Amino acid sequence: MTKKYKMTFFDYLKSNPSLKISKRLKIWEKVAKGVKAQGEKNIAHLDLKAMNIFVDVEKNDVKE
């Protein structure tokens, strides 16, 4: 994990309990796009959860 992505989505949600639903959904939308792209290459992520998604804490964005 790089210094830029030093927090998981799980930890990010715990430390930002008032994060707007729209922002949460934007992050999950990016995750869904990543899963779709993997599926198109016949790759399956078998352990997808908030603890395996890394957040750019500077931009409040997920790693792509």
C-alpha atoms as a PDB file:
ATOM      1  CA  MET A   1       0.000   0.000   0.000  1.00  0.00           C
ATOM      2  CA  THR A   2       1.388   3.421  -0.905  1.00  0.00           C
ATOM      3  CA  LYS A   3       1.472   6.328   1.518  1.00  0.00           C
ATOM      4  CA  LYS A   4      -1.288   8.017  -0.463  1.00  0.00           C
ATOM      5  CA  TYR A   5      -3.676   5.118   0.192  1.00  0.00           C
ATOM      6  CA  LYS A   6      -3.059   4.596   3.880  1.00  0.00           C
ATOM      7  CA  MET A   7      -6.641   3.982   4.945  1.00  0.00           C
ATOM      8  CA  THR A   8      -9.163   1.291   4.072  1.00  0.00           C
ATOM      9  CA  PHE A   9     -12.723   2.190   3.176  1.00  0.00           C
ATOM     10  CA  PHE A  10     -13.817   0.446   6.380  1.00  0.00           C
ATOM     11  CA  ASP A  11     -11.561   2.667   8.519  1.00  0.00           C
ATOM     12  CA  TYR A  12     -12.545   5.714   6.485  1.00  0.00           C
ATOM     13  CA  LEU A  13     -16.229   5.094   7.217  1.00  0.00           C
ATOM     14  CA  LYS A  14     -15.513   4.554  10.911  1.00  0.00           C
ATOM     15  CA  SER A  15     -13.578   7.821  11.121  1.00  0.00           C
ATOM     16  CA  ASN A  16     -16.206   9.736   9.085  1.00  0.00           C
ATOM     17  CA  PRO A  17     -19.576   8.538  10.403  1.00  0.00           C
ATOM     18  CA  SER A  18     -21.368  11.600   9.032  1.00  0.00           C
ATOM     19  CA  LEU A  19     -20.125  11.020   5.465  1.00  0.00           C
ATOM     20  CA  LYS A  20     -23.003  11.778   3.113  1.00  0.00           C
ATOM     21  CA  ILE A  21     -24.745   8.875   1.442  1.00  0.00           C
ATOM     22  CA  SER A  22     -24.034  10.431  -1.964  1.00  0.00           C
ATOM     23  CA  LYS A  23     -20.267  10.286  -1.296  1.00  0.00           C
ATOM     24  CA  ARG A  24     -20.509   6.691  -0.044  1.00  0.00           C
ATOM     25  CA  LEU A  25     -22.426   5.727  -3.173  1.00  0.00           C
ATOM     26  CA  LYS A  26     -19.872   7.459  -5.408  1.00  0.00           C
ATOM     27  CA  ILE A  27     -17.133   5.343  -3.854  1.00  0.00           C
ATOM     28  CA  TRP A  28     -19.153   2.134  -4.213  1.00  0.00           C
ATOM     29  CA  GLU A  29     -19.899   3.056  -7.828  1.00  0.00           C
ATOM     30  CA  LYS A  30     -16.144   3.160  -8.523  1.00  0.00           C
ATOM     31  CA  VAL A  31     -15.743  -0.185  -6.773  1.00  0.00           C
ATOM     32  CA  ALA A  32     -18.526  -1.667  -8.927  1.00  0.00           C
ATOM     33  CA  LYS A  33     -16.866  -0.360 -12.091  1.00  0.00           C
ATOM     34  CA  GLY A  34     -13.605  -1.989 -11.007  1.00  0.00           C
ATOM     35  CA  VAL A  35     -15.332  -5.310 -10.322  1.00  0.00           C
ATOM     36  CA  LYS A  36     -17.034  -5.117 -13.720  1.00  0.00           C
ATOM     37  CA  ALA A  37     -13.700  -4.444 -15.442  1.00  0.00           C
ATOM     38  CA  GLN A  38     -12.171  -7.433 -13.667  1.00  0.00           C
ATOM     39  CA  GLY A  39     -15.093  -9.621 -14.700  1.00  0.00           C
ATOM     40  CA  GLU A  40     -14.645  -8.629 -18.325  1.00  0.00           C
ATOM     41  CA  LYS A  41     -11.114 -10.032 -18.057  1.00  0.00           C
ATOM     42  CA  ASN A  42     -12.390 -13.202 -16.333  1.00  0.00           C
ATOM     43  CA  ILE A  43     -10.863 -12.144 -13.017  1.00  0.00           C
ATOM     44  CA  ALA A  44     -12.854 -12.579  -9.824  1.00  0.00           C
ATOM     45  CA  HIS A  45     -12.148 -10.880  -6.517  1.00  0.00           C
ATOM     46  CA  LEU A  46     -13.240 -13.475  -3.987  1.00  0.00           C
ATOM     47  CA  ASP A  47     -12.802 -11.351  -0.864  1.00  0.00           C
ATOM     48  CA  LEU A  48     -14.386  -7.997  -1.703  1.00  0.00           C
ATOM     49  CA  LYS A  49     -15.153  -5.988   1.431  1.00  0.00           C
ATOM     50  CA  ALA A  50     -14.617  -2.512   2.824  1.00  0.00           C
ATOM     51  CA  MET A  51     -11.364  -3.621   4.472  1.00  0.00           C
ATOM     52  CA  ASN A  52      -9.899  -4.475   1.043  1.00  0.00           C
ATOM     53  CA  ILE A  53     -10.697  -1.119  -0.599  1.00  0.00           C
ATOM     54  CA  PHE A  54      -8.123   1.619  -0.136  1.00  0.00           C
ATOM     55  CA  VAL A  55      -9.015   5.290   0.095  1.00  0.00           C
ATOM     56  CA  ASP A  56      -6.956   8.296  -0.977  1.00  0.00           C
ATOM     57  CA  VAL A  57      -7.396  10.316   2.211  1.00  0.00           C
ATOM     58  CA  GLU A  58      -6.232  13.511   0.513  1.00  0.00           C
ATOM     59  CA  LYS A  59      -8.887  13.359  -2.196  1.00  0.00           C
ATOM     60  CA  ASN A  60     -11.448  11.220  -0.331  1.00  0.00           C
ATOM     61  CA  ASP A  61     -11.376   8.863  -3.290  1.00  0.00           C
ATOM     62  CA  VAL A  62     -10.765   5.154  -3.854  1.00  0.00           C
ATOM     63  CA  LYS A  63      -7.712   3.615  -5.483  1.00  0.00           C
ATOM     64  CA  GLU A  64      -8.394   2.702  -9.074  1.00  0.00           C
END
